[in-house]
């Protein structure tokens, strides 16, 4: 069994756990402490409120250990707020959170909750068919470093990226029935174990 953690301070934790539990051979667990972090082979940082999650990472003294684990190769996937937490740079802000992924992100780039939308798109590296994308107060990536692979652009904006052991999406795969991104993340974990 592959033990996959979901950072469980706030946001779409239950939805990610539910998606992961549909994949054979995966044991999804909630992660809140450094001790729990040690037991997982990969971690999902869910959508939610990036400022709140960032504050809780510090309050629970998990920011440092998590950054170290990611830099040492722990597979991590940030969705929406999780993308913001991974980014080295946030547009208009002087500080960032974990600063591990060589991307510059724009928070709430798509506007307010009312500007949320769903669409389908092909993401060739992830799945052979179109997959549903759910955008909720989503960020987008303004620029990427040379080591970052762009997986998907939506209307000219970068919304899915991969760099080494890190995956980040502006949208919420856990809010659809499609498991393509979750399966791909498991593949990333398995690849990392070799």
Protein backbone atom coordinates (compact mmCIF):
# COMPACT_ATOMS: atom_id res chain seq x y z
CA UNK A 1 0.00 0.00 0.00
CA UNK A 2 1.17 3.51 -0.80
CA UNK A 3 0.45 5.89 2.07
CA UNK A 4 -0.51 9.30 0.66
CA UNK A 5 -1.02 12.25 2.96
CA UNK A 6 -3.42 15.17 2.59
CA UNK A 7 -2.46 18.28 4.53
CA UNK A 8 -5.51 18.53 6.76
CA UNK A 9 -5.68 22.02 8.25
CA UNK A 10 -8.31 23.51 5.98
CA UNK A 11 -9.82 23.23 2.49
CA UNK A 12 -10.90 20.28 0.35
CA UNK A 13 -9.31 17.58 2.53
CA UNK A 14 -12.30 15.19 2.61
CA UNK A 15 -12.67 15.36 -1.18
CA UNK A 16 -9.01 14.44 -1.81
CA UNK A 17 -9.21 11.58 0.72
CA UNK A 18 -12.36 10.30 -1.06
CA UNK A 19 -10.66 10.46 -4.49
CA UNK A 20 -7.52 8.69 -3.25
CA UNK A 21 -9.53 5.96 -1.52
CA UNK A 22 -11.00 4.97 -4.92
CA UNK A 23 -7.53 4.04 -6.20
CA UNK A 24 -6.43 0.49 -5.48
CA UNK A 25 -3.29 0.15 -3.39
CA UNK A 26 -3.52 3.65 -1.91
CA UNK A 27 -3.96 4.39 1.79
CA UNK A 28 -4.94 8.07 2.21
CA UNK A 29 -4.24 9.73 5.57
CA UNK A 30 -4.64 13.20 7.05
CA UNK A 31 -1.40 14.99 7.91
CA UNK A 32 -1.14 17.75 10.52
CA UNK A 33 2.13 17.09 12.35
CA UNK A 34 5.79 16.48 11.47
CA UNK A 35 5.43 12.94 12.84
CA UNK A 36 2.49 12.20 10.50
CA UNK A 37 4.46 13.72 7.61
CA UNK A 38 7.28 11.20 8.19
CA UNK A 39 4.92 8.27 7.51
CA UNK A 40 3.75 9.28 3.99
CA UNK A 41 5.26 8.63 0.56
CA UNK A 42 3.62 11.71 -0.98
CA UNK A 43 1.56 14.72 0.12
CA UNK A 44 -1.32 16.69 -1.36
CA UNK A 45 -1.72 20.31 -0.29
CA UNK A 46 -5.42 20.98 -0.96
CA UNK A 47 -7.31 24.01 -2.12
CA UNK A 48 -8.62 26.35 0.55
CA UNK A 49 -7.29 29.69 1.78
CA UNK A 50 -3.53 29.88 1.21
CA UNK A 51 -2.93 32.54 3.87
CA UNK A 52 -4.73 30.45 6.51
CA UNK A 53 -2.99 27.21 5.55
CA UNK A 54 0.38 29.02 5.51
CA UNK A 55 -0.27 30.41 9.01
CA UNK A 56 -1.28 26.97 10.32
CA UNK A 57 1.86 25.40 8.80
CA UNK A 58 3.85 27.82 10.94
CA UNK A 59 1.65 27.45 14.04
CA UNK A 60 2.00 23.65 13.90
CA UNK A 61 5.74 24.00 13.17
CA UNK A 62 5.34 22.00 9.97
CA UNK A 63 6.54 24.58 7.42
CA UNK A 64 10.26 23.87 7.98
CA UNK A 65 10.05 20.05 8.03
CA UNK A 66 7.73 20.05 4.99
CA UNK A 67 10.04 22.32 2.97
CA UNK A 68 13.00 20.06 3.84
CA UNK A 69 11.10 16.90 2.85
CA UNK A 70 10.03 18.40 -0.51
CA UNK A 71 13.57 19.61 -1.23
CA UNK A 72 14.81 16.07 -0.39
CA UNK A 73 12.42 14.63 -2.99
CA UNK A 74 9.05 14.00 -1.29
CA UNK A 75 6.41 14.02 -4.07
CA UNK A 76 3.96 16.86 -3.44
CA UNK A 77 0.91 18.11 -5.32
CA UNK A 78 -0.64 21.50 -4.63
CA UNK A 79 -4.17 22.22 -5.86
CA UNK A 80 -5.33 25.85 -6.04
CA UNK A 81 -4.18 27.25 -2.65
CA UNK A 82 -1.62 24.44 -2.60
CA UNK A 83 -0.10 25.84 -5.79
CA UNK A 84 0.28 29.23 -4.08
CA UNK A 85 1.94 27.60 -1.05
CA UNK A 86 4.52 25.82 -3.25
CA UNK A 87 5.40 28.89 -5.36
CA UNK A 88 8.69 30.74 -4.93
CA UNK A 89 6.96 34.00 -5.79
CA UNK A 90 3.45 35.44 -5.37
CA UNK A 91 2.56 38.46 -7.51
CA UNK A 92 2.23 41.64 -5.42
CA UNK A 93 3.50 40.03 -2.21
CA UNK A 94 6.96 40.38 -0.69
CA UNK A 95 6.94 36.97 0.98
CA UNK A 96 6.00 33.44 -0.06
CA UNK A 97 5.22 30.29 1.92
CA UNK A 98 7.20 27.09 1.20
CA UNK A 99 9.10 28.61 -1.77
CA UNK A 100 10.01 25.28 -3.34
CA UNK A 101 8.61 25.45 -6.89
CA UNK A 102 10.15 27.77 -9.45
CA UNK A 103 6.89 29.49 -10.42
CA UNK A 104 5.39 32.94 -9.95
CA UNK A 105 1.65 32.78 -9.18
CA UNK A 106 -1.15 35.32 -9.17
CA UNK A 107 -3.69 34.77 -6.38
CA UNK A 108 -7.43 34.88 -7.16
CA UNK A 109 -6.42 35.54 -10.76
CA UNK A 110 -9.82 34.48 -12.07
CA UNK A 111 -11.69 36.84 -9.74
CA UNK A 112 -14.18 36.12 -6.96
CA UNK A 113 -16.23 33.03 -6.09
CA UNK A 114 -18.79 34.23 -8.64
CA UNK A 115 -16.19 33.90 -11.38
CA UNK A 116 -15.68 30.20 -10.67
CA UNK A 117 -16.23 27.91 -13.66
CA UNK A 118 -15.94 24.35 -15.00
CA UNK A 119 -14.66 23.21 -18.37
CA UNK A 120 -13.07 20.20 -20.05
CA UNK A 121 -9.60 20.03 -21.54
CA UNK A 122 -7.02 17.62 -22.90
CA UNK A 123 -3.95 17.24 -20.71
CA UNK A 124 -1.93 14.79 -22.83
CA UNK A 125 0.58 13.82 -20.13
CA UNK A 126 -2.22 13.06 -17.64
CA UNK A 127 -4.96 11.30 -19.62
CA UNK A 128 -5.86 10.32 -23.21
CA UNK A 129 -9.35 11.87 -22.99
CA UNK A 130 -10.67 15.28 -22.00
CA UNK A 131 -10.90 15.75 -18.25
CA UNK A 132 -13.11 18.12 -16.24
CA UNK A 133 -11.47 21.15 -14.65
CA UNK A 134 -13.09 22.99 -11.75
CA UNK A 135 -11.78 26.52 -11.13
CA UNK A 136 -12.76 28.24 -7.85
CA UNK A 137 -11.20 31.63 -7.09
CA UNK A 138 -8.25 30.06 -8.84
CA UNK A 139 -4.70 31.33 -9.19
CA UNK A 140 -2.73 31.02 -12.38
CA UNK A 141 0.99 30.87 -13.07
CA UNK A 142 2.45 34.10 -14.45
CA UNK A 143 5.91 32.69 -15.20
CA UNK A 144 7.95 29.52 -14.79
CA UNK A 145 11.62 28.67 -14.33
CA UNK A 146 13.56 26.69 -16.93
CA UNK A 147 13.10 23.38 -15.05
CA UNK A 148 9.31 23.66 -14.90
CA UNK A 149 7.18 21.73 -17.39
CA UNK A 150 3.89 23.36 -18.39
CA UNK A 151 1.19 20.67 -18.51
CA UNK A 152 -1.79 22.87 -19.41
CA UNK A 153 -2.68 26.41 -20.44
CA UNK A 154 -6.22 27.73 -20.28
CA UNK A 155 -6.91 30.78 -22.48
CA UNK A 156 -3.19 31.55 -22.58
CA UNK A 157 -2.76 31.23 -18.81
CA UNK A 158 -0.65 28.47 -17.23
CA UNK A 159 -2.83 26.33 -14.93
CA UNK A 160 -0.91 23.04 -14.46
CA UNK A 161 2.83 22.57 -13.98
CA UNK A 162 5.34 19.93 -12.94
CA UNK A 163 8.89 20.30 -11.64
CA UNK A 164 10.90 17.26 -10.47
CA UNK A 165 8.86 15.79 -7.57
CA UNK A 166 6.30 18.64 -7.55
CA UNK A 167 2.94 18.96 -9.29
CA UNK A 168 0.66 22.00 -9.09
CA UNK A 169 -2.79 22.74 -10.53
CA UNK A 170 -4.92 25.90 -10.43
CA UNK A 171 -8.05 23.78 -10.55
CA UNK A 172 -9.62 21.17 -8.25
CA UNK A 173 -9.55 17.60 -9.67
CA UNK A 174 -10.94 16.36 -6.33
CA UNK A 175 -14.23 18.17 -7.04
CA UNK A 176 -14.95 16.02 -10.10
CA UNK A 177 -15.38 12.25 -10.48
CA UNK A 178 -12.32 12.05 -12.71
CA UNK A 179 -9.31 10.40 -11.03
CA UNK A 180 -6.74 11.09 -13.80
CA UNK A 181 -4.69 13.63 -11.83
CA UNK A 182 -4.81 11.56 -8.63
CA UNK A 183 -3.64 8.49 -10.58
CA UNK A 184 -0.87 10.56 -12.16
CA UNK A 185 0.27 11.73 -8.72
CA UNK A 186 0.43 8.10 -7.53
CA UNK A 187 2.54 7.36 -10.65
CA UNK A 188 4.84 10.25 -9.63
CA UNK A 189 5.21 8.72 -6.14
CA UNK A 190 5.97 5.28 -7.59
CA UNK A 191 8.51 6.77 -9.98
CA UNK A 192 10.16 8.56 -7.06
CA UNK A 193 10.49 5.32 -5.09
CA UNK A 194 12.62 3.63 -7.78
